[in-house]
Structures are given as C-alpha cells and as structure tokens.
Amino acid sequence: LLWLGVGLAASALLSLTMPVVAVP
C-alpha cells in the first residue's frame, strides 16, 4: 500500500507537466 501510495502521489504530481502519461 505504501508503494501504491507513492505511485499515486508521483503520478498526480507529474500530471502538471506530463498529463497524457501521468493521469492514466
């Protein structure tokens, strides 16, 4: 769960600069 949380947090942060990849 911790790693899944880190993955969600990282992809959410990247959604500002790489939304096409980060949001999926």
PDB file of all heavy atoms in Angstrom:
ATOM      1  N   LEU A   1       0.832  -1.204   0.000  1.00  0.00           N
ATOM      2  CA  LEU A   1       0.000   0.000   0.000  1.00  0.00           C
ATOM      3  C   LEU A   1       0.867   1.255   0.000  1.00  0.00           C
ATOM      4  O   LEU A   1       0.530   2.245  -0.664  1.00  0.00           O
ATOM      5  CB  LEU A   1      -0.929   0.015   1.219  1.00  0.00           C
ATOM      6  CG  LEU A   1      -1.867   1.220   1.292  1.00  0.00           C
ATOM      7  CD1 LEU A   1      -2.788   1.269   0.076  1.00  0.00           C
ATOM      8  CD2 LEU A   1      -2.700   1.199   2.576  1.00  0.00           C
ATOM      9  N   LEU A   2       1.981   1.211   0.715  1.00  0.00           N
ATOM     10  CA  LEU A   2       2.874   2.369   0.727  1.00  0.00           C
ATOM     11  C   LEU A   2       3.400   2.664  -0.670  1.00  0.00           C
ATOM     12  O   LEU A   2       3.394   3.823  -1.116  1.00  0.00           O
ATOM     13  CB  LEU A   2       4.037   2.129   1.691  1.00  0.00           C
ATOM     14  CG  LEU A   2       5.095   3.246   1.740  1.00  0.00           C
ATOM     15  CD1 LEU A   2       4.459   4.563   2.157  1.00  0.00           C
ATOM     16  CD2 LEU A   2       6.226   2.853   2.683  1.00  0.00           C
ATOM     17  N   TRP A   3       3.829   1.639  -1.374  1.00  0.00           N
ATOM     18  CA  TRP A   3       4.351   1.862  -2.733  1.00  0.00           C
ATOM     19  C   TRP A   3       3.248   2.283  -3.697  1.00  0.00           C
ATOM     20  O   TRP A   3       3.481   3.103  -4.594  1.00  0.00           O
ATOM     21  CB  TRP A   3       5.069   0.604  -3.232  1.00  0.00           C
ATOM     22  CG  TRP A   3       6.415   0.426  -2.614  1.00  0.00           C
ATOM     23  CD1 TRP A   3       6.809  -0.531  -1.732  1.00  0.00           C
ATOM     24  CD2 TRP A   3       7.542   1.291  -2.805  1.00  0.00           C
ATOM     25  NE1 TRP A   3       8.116  -0.330  -1.361  1.00  0.00           N
ATOM     26  CE2 TRP A   3       8.591   0.774  -2.007  1.00  0.00           C
ATOM     27  CE3 TRP A   3       7.779   2.428  -3.567  1.00  0.00           C
ATOM     28  CZ2 TRP A   3       9.849   1.366  -1.956  1.00  0.00           C
ATOM     29  CZ3 TRP A   3       9.039   3.023  -3.524  1.00  0.00           C
ATOM     30  CH2 TRP A   3      10.048   2.496  -2.718  1.00  0.00           C
ATOM     31  N   LEU A   4       2.064   1.741  -3.524  1.00  0.00           N
ATOM     32  CA  LEU A   4       0.938   2.201  -4.347  1.00  0.00           C
ATOM     33  C   LEU A   4       0.638   3.666  -4.069  1.00  0.00           C
ATOM     34  O   LEU A   4       0.335   4.445  -4.984  1.00  0.00           O
ATOM     35  CB  LEU A   4      -0.305   1.357  -4.066  1.00  0.00           C
ATOM     36  CG  LEU A   4      -0.266  -0.097  -4.535  1.00  0.00           C
ATOM     37  CD1 LEU A   4      -1.532  -0.829  -4.093  1.00  0.00           C
ATOM     38  CD2 LEU A   4      -0.105  -0.183  -6.047  1.00  0.00           C
ATOM     39  N   GLY A   5       0.730   4.067  -2.796  1.00  0.00           N
ATOM     40  CA  GLY A   5       0.518   5.465  -2.439  1.00  0.00           C
ATOM     41  C   GLY A   5       1.578   6.370  -3.037  1.00  0.00           C
ATOM     42  O   GLY A   5       1.270   7.457  -3.544  1.00  0.00           O
ATOM     43  N   VAL A   6       2.828   5.936  -2.999  1.00  0.00           N
ATOM     44  CA  VAL A   6       3.905   6.721  -3.614  1.00  0.00           C
ATOM     45  C   VAL A   6       3.673   6.836  -5.110  1.00  0.00           C
ATOM     46  O   VAL A   6       3.884   7.898  -5.712  1.00  0.00           O
ATOM     47  CB  VAL A   6       5.269   6.070  -3.310  1.00  0.00           C
ATOM     48  CG1 VAL A   6       6.374   6.735  -4.135  1.00  0.00           C
ATOM     49  CG2 VAL A   6       5.594   6.165  -1.829  1.00  0.00           C
ATOM     50  N   GLY A   7       3.221   5.743  -5.735  1.00  0.00           N
ATOM     51  CA  GLY A   7       2.939   5.780  -7.169  1.00  0.00           C
ATOM     52  C   GLY A   7       1.820   6.750  -7.508  1.00  0.00           C
ATOM     53  O   GLY A   7       1.913   7.509  -8.490  1.00  0.00           O
ATOM     54  N   LEU A   8       0.757   6.746  -6.698  1.00  0.00           N
ATOM     55  CA  LEU A   8      -0.342   7.685  -6.929  1.00  0.00           C
ATOM     56  C   LEU A   8       0.127   9.115  -6.737  1.00  0.00           C
ATOM     57  O   LEU A   8      -0.194  10.001  -7.547  1.00  0.00           O
ATOM     58  CB  LEU A   8      -1.500   7.381  -5.977  1.00  0.00           C
ATOM     59  CG  LEU A   8      -2.688   8.345  -6.030  1.00  0.00           C
ATOM     60  CD1 LEU A   8      -3.309   8.371  -7.424  1.00  0.00           C
ATOM     61  CD2 LEU A   8      -3.739   7.980  -4.981  1.00  0.00           C
ATOM     62  N   ALA A   9       0.906   9.351  -5.677  1.00  0.00           N
ATOM     63  CA  ALA A   9       1.399  10.696  -5.413  1.00  0.00           C
ATOM     64  C   ALA A   9       2.303  11.188  -6.537  1.00  0.00           C
ATOM     65  O   ALA A   9       2.194  12.337  -7.000  1.00  0.00           O
ATOM     66  CB  ALA A   9       2.148  10.723  -4.077  1.00  0.00           C
ATOM     67  N   ALA A  10       3.199  10.330  -6.998  1.00  0.00           N
ATOM     68  CA  ALA A  10       4.128  10.725  -8.065  1.00  0.00           C
ATOM     69  C   ALA A  10       3.394  11.011  -9.362  1.00  0.00           C
ATOM     70  O   ALA A  10       3.671  12.005 -10.050  1.00  0.00           O
ATOM     71  CB  ALA A  10       5.173   9.627  -8.268  1.00  0.00           C
ATOM     72  N   SER A  11       2.446  10.154  -9.727  1.00  0.00           N
ATOM     73  CA  SER A  11       1.703  10.376 -10.974  1.00  0.00           C
ATOM     74  C   SER A  11       0.834  11.622 -10.874  1.00  0.00           C
ATOM     75  O   SER A  11       0.681  12.364 -11.852  1.00  0.00           O
ATOM     76  CB  SER A  11       0.851   9.142 -11.306  1.00  0.00           C
ATOM     77  OG  SER A  11      -0.022   8.828 -10.234  1.00  0.00           O
ATOM     78  N   ALA A  12       0.266  11.884  -9.682  1.00  0.00           N
ATOM     79  CA  ALA A  12      -0.532  13.103  -9.505  1.00  0.00           C
ATOM     80  C   ALA A  12       0.344  14.335  -9.655  1.00  0.00           C
ATOM     81  O   ALA A  12      -0.068  15.340 -10.258  1.00  0.00           O
ATOM     82  CB  ALA A  12      -1.199  13.088  -8.141  1.00  0.00           C
ATOM     83  N   LEU A  13       1.542  14.283  -9.113  1.00  0.00           N
ATOM     84  CA  LEU A  13       2.463  15.415  -9.237  1.00  0.00           C
ATOM     85  C   LEU A  13       2.890  15.625 -10.684  1.00  0.00           C
ATOM     86  O   LEU A  13       2.940  16.755 -11.189  1.00  0.00           O
ATOM     87  CB  LEU A  13       3.684  15.179  -8.349  1.00  0.00           C
ATOM     88  CG  LEU A  13       4.699  16.314  -8.247  1.00  0.00           C
ATOM     89  CD1 LEU A  13       4.047  17.587  -7.718  1.00  0.00           C
ATOM     90  CD2 LEU A  13       5.860  15.904  -7.350  1.00  0.00           C
ATOM     91  N   LEU A  14       3.160  14.526 -11.394  1.00  0.00           N
ATOM     92  CA  LEU A  14       3.585  14.623 -12.795  1.00  0.00           C
ATOM     93  C   LEU A  14       2.454  15.064 -13.719  1.00  0.00           C
ATOM     94  O   LEU A  14       2.713  15.465 -14.856  1.00  0.00           O
ATOM     95  CB  LEU A  14       4.126  13.274 -13.268  1.00  0.00           C
ATOM     96  CG  LEU A  14       5.508  12.871 -12.740  1.00  0.00           C
ATOM     97  CD1 LEU A  14       5.846  11.453 -13.169  1.00  0.00           C
ATOM     98  CD2 LEU A  14       6.569  13.851 -13.227  1.00  0.00           C
ATOM     99  N   SER A  15       1.208  14.978 -13.230  1.00  0.00           N
ATOM    100  CA  SER A  15       0.080  15.366 -14.073  1.00  0.00           C
ATOM    101  C   SER A  15       0.134  16.843 -14.464  1.00  0.00           C
ATOM    102  O   SER A  15      -0.525  17.256 -15.421  1.00  0.00           O
ATOM    103  CB  SER A  15      -1.244  15.064 -13.373  1.00  0.00           C
ATOM    104  OG  SER A  15      -1.429  15.898 -12.233  1.00  0.00           O
ATOM    105  N   LEU A  16       0.904  17.643 -13.735  1.00  0.00           N
ATOM    106  CA  LEU A  16       1.032  19.064 -14.074  1.00  0.00           C
ATOM    107  C   LEU A  16       1.892  19.278 -15.312  1.00  0.00           C
ATOM    108  O   LEU A  16       1.708  20.250 -16.037  1.00  0.00           O
ATOM    109  CB  LEU A  16       1.635  19.835 -12.893  1.00  0.00           C
ATOM    110  CG  LEU A  16       0.767  19.962 -11.647  1.00  0.00           C
ATOM    111  CD1 LEU A  16       1.520  20.686 -10.546  1.00  0.00           C
ATOM    112  CD2 LEU A  16      -0.531  20.699 -11.964  1.00  0.00           C
ATOM    113  N   THR A  17       2.848  18.375 -15.557  1.00  0.00           N
ATOM    114  CA  THR A  17       3.775  18.554 -16.677  1.00  0.00           C
ATOM    115  C   THR A  17       3.632  17.471 -17.746  1.00  0.00           C
ATOM    116  O   THR A  17       3.956  17.711 -18.904  1.00  0.00           O
ATOM    117  CB  THR A  17       5.228  18.567 -16.163  1.00  0.00           C
ATOM    118  OG1 THR A  17       5.477  17.362 -15.435  1.00  0.00           O
ATOM    119  CG2 THR A  17       5.460  19.768 -15.270  1.00  0.00           C
ATOM    120  N   MET A  18       3.172  16.283 -17.366  1.00  0.00           N
ATOM    121  CA  MET A  18       3.032  15.169 -18.315  1.00  0.00           C
ATOM    122  C   MET A  18       1.656  14.530 -18.155  1.00  0.00           C
ATOM    123  O   MET A  18       1.548  13.340 -17.863  1.00  0.00           O
ATOM    124  CB  MET A  18       4.133  14.133 -18.077  1.00  0.00           C
ATOM    125  CG  MET A  18       5.540  14.682 -18.168  1.00  0.00           C
ATOM    126  SD  MET A  18       6.765  13.464 -17.606  1.00  0.00           S
ATOM    127  CE  MET A  18       6.415  12.070 -18.673  1.00  0.00           C
ATOM    128  N   PRO A  19       0.581  15.285 -18.337  1.00  0.00           N
ATOM    129  CA  PRO A  19      -0.759  14.751 -18.035  1.00  0.00           C
ATOM    130  C   PRO A  19      -1.160  13.559 -18.888  1.00  0.00           C
ATOM    131  O   PRO A  19      -1.879  12.680 -18.408  1.00  0.00           O
ATOM    132  CB  PRO A  19      -1.673  15.950 -18.273  1.00  0.00           C
ATOM    133  CG  PRO A  19      -0.917  16.848 -19.198  1.00  0.00           C
ATOM    134  CD  PRO A  19       0.523  16.670 -18.841  1.00  0.00           C
ATOM    135  N   VAL A  20      -0.724  13.519 -20.139  1.00  0.00           N
ATOM    136  CA  VAL A  20      -1.139  12.428 -21.027  1.00  0.00           C
ATOM    137  C   VAL A  20      -0.662  11.080 -20.499  1.00  0.00           C
ATOM    138  O   VAL A  20      -1.351  10.062 -20.625  1.00  0.00           O
ATOM    139  CB  VAL A  20      -0.604  12.670 -22.456  1.00  0.00           C
ATOM    140  CG1 VAL A  20      -0.916  11.489 -23.355  1.00  0.00           C
ATOM    141  CG2 VAL A  20      -1.211  13.943 -23.040  1.00  0.00           C
ATOM    142  N   VAL A  21       0.496  11.060 -19.904  1.00  0.00           N
ATOM    143  CA  VAL A  21       1.041   9.825 -19.336  1.00  0.00           C
ATOM    144  C   VAL A  21       0.634   9.666 -17.877  1.00  0.00           C
ATOM    145  O   VAL A  21       0.264   8.575 -17.435  1.00  0.00           O
ATOM    146  CB  VAL A  21       2.586   9.823 -19.450  1.00  0.00           C
ATOM    147  CG1 VAL A  21       3.161   8.599 -18.747  1.00  0.00           C
ATOM    148  CG2 VAL A  21       3.014   9.873 -20.901  1.00  0.00           C
ATOM    149  N   ALA A  22       0.683  10.757 -17.129  1.00  0.00           N
ATOM    150  CA  ALA A  22       0.529  10.675 -15.678  1.00  0.00           C
ATOM    151  C   ALA A  22      -0.892  10.346 -15.243  1.00  0.00           C
ATOM    152  O   ALA A  22      -1.088   9.581 -14.286  1.00  0.00           O
ATOM    153  CB  ALA A  22       0.985  11.986 -15.037  1.00  0.00           C
ATOM    154  N   VAL A  23      -1.897  10.909 -15.897  1.00  0.00           N
ATOM    155  CA  VAL A  23      -3.276  10.690 -15.451  1.00  0.00           C
ATOM    156  C   VAL A  23      -3.696   9.222 -15.606  1.00  0.00           C
ATOM    157  O   VAL A  23      -4.279   8.650 -14.669  1.00  0.00           O
ATOM    158  CB  VAL A  23      -4.247  11.642 -16.180  1.00  0.00           C
ATOM    159  CG1 VAL A  23      -5.701  11.279 -15.857  1.00  0.00           C
ATOM    160  CG2 VAL A  23      -3.974  13.086 -15.775  1.00  0.00           C
ATOM    161  N   PRO A  24      -3.416   8.565 -16.754  1.00  0.00           N
ATOM    162  CA  PRO A  24      -3.724   7.125 -16.809  1.00  0.00           C
ATOM    163  C   PRO A  24      -2.961   6.309 -15.760  1.00  0.00           C
ATOM    164  O   PRO A  24      -3.504   5.353 -15.206  1.00  0.00           O
ATOM    165  CB  PRO A  24      -3.294   6.737 -18.231  1.00  0.00           C
ATOM    166  CG  PRO A  24      -3.427   7.989 -19.019  1.00  0.00           C
ATOM    167  CD  PRO A  24      -3.009   9.077 -18.089  1.00  0.00           C
TER     168      PRO A  24
END
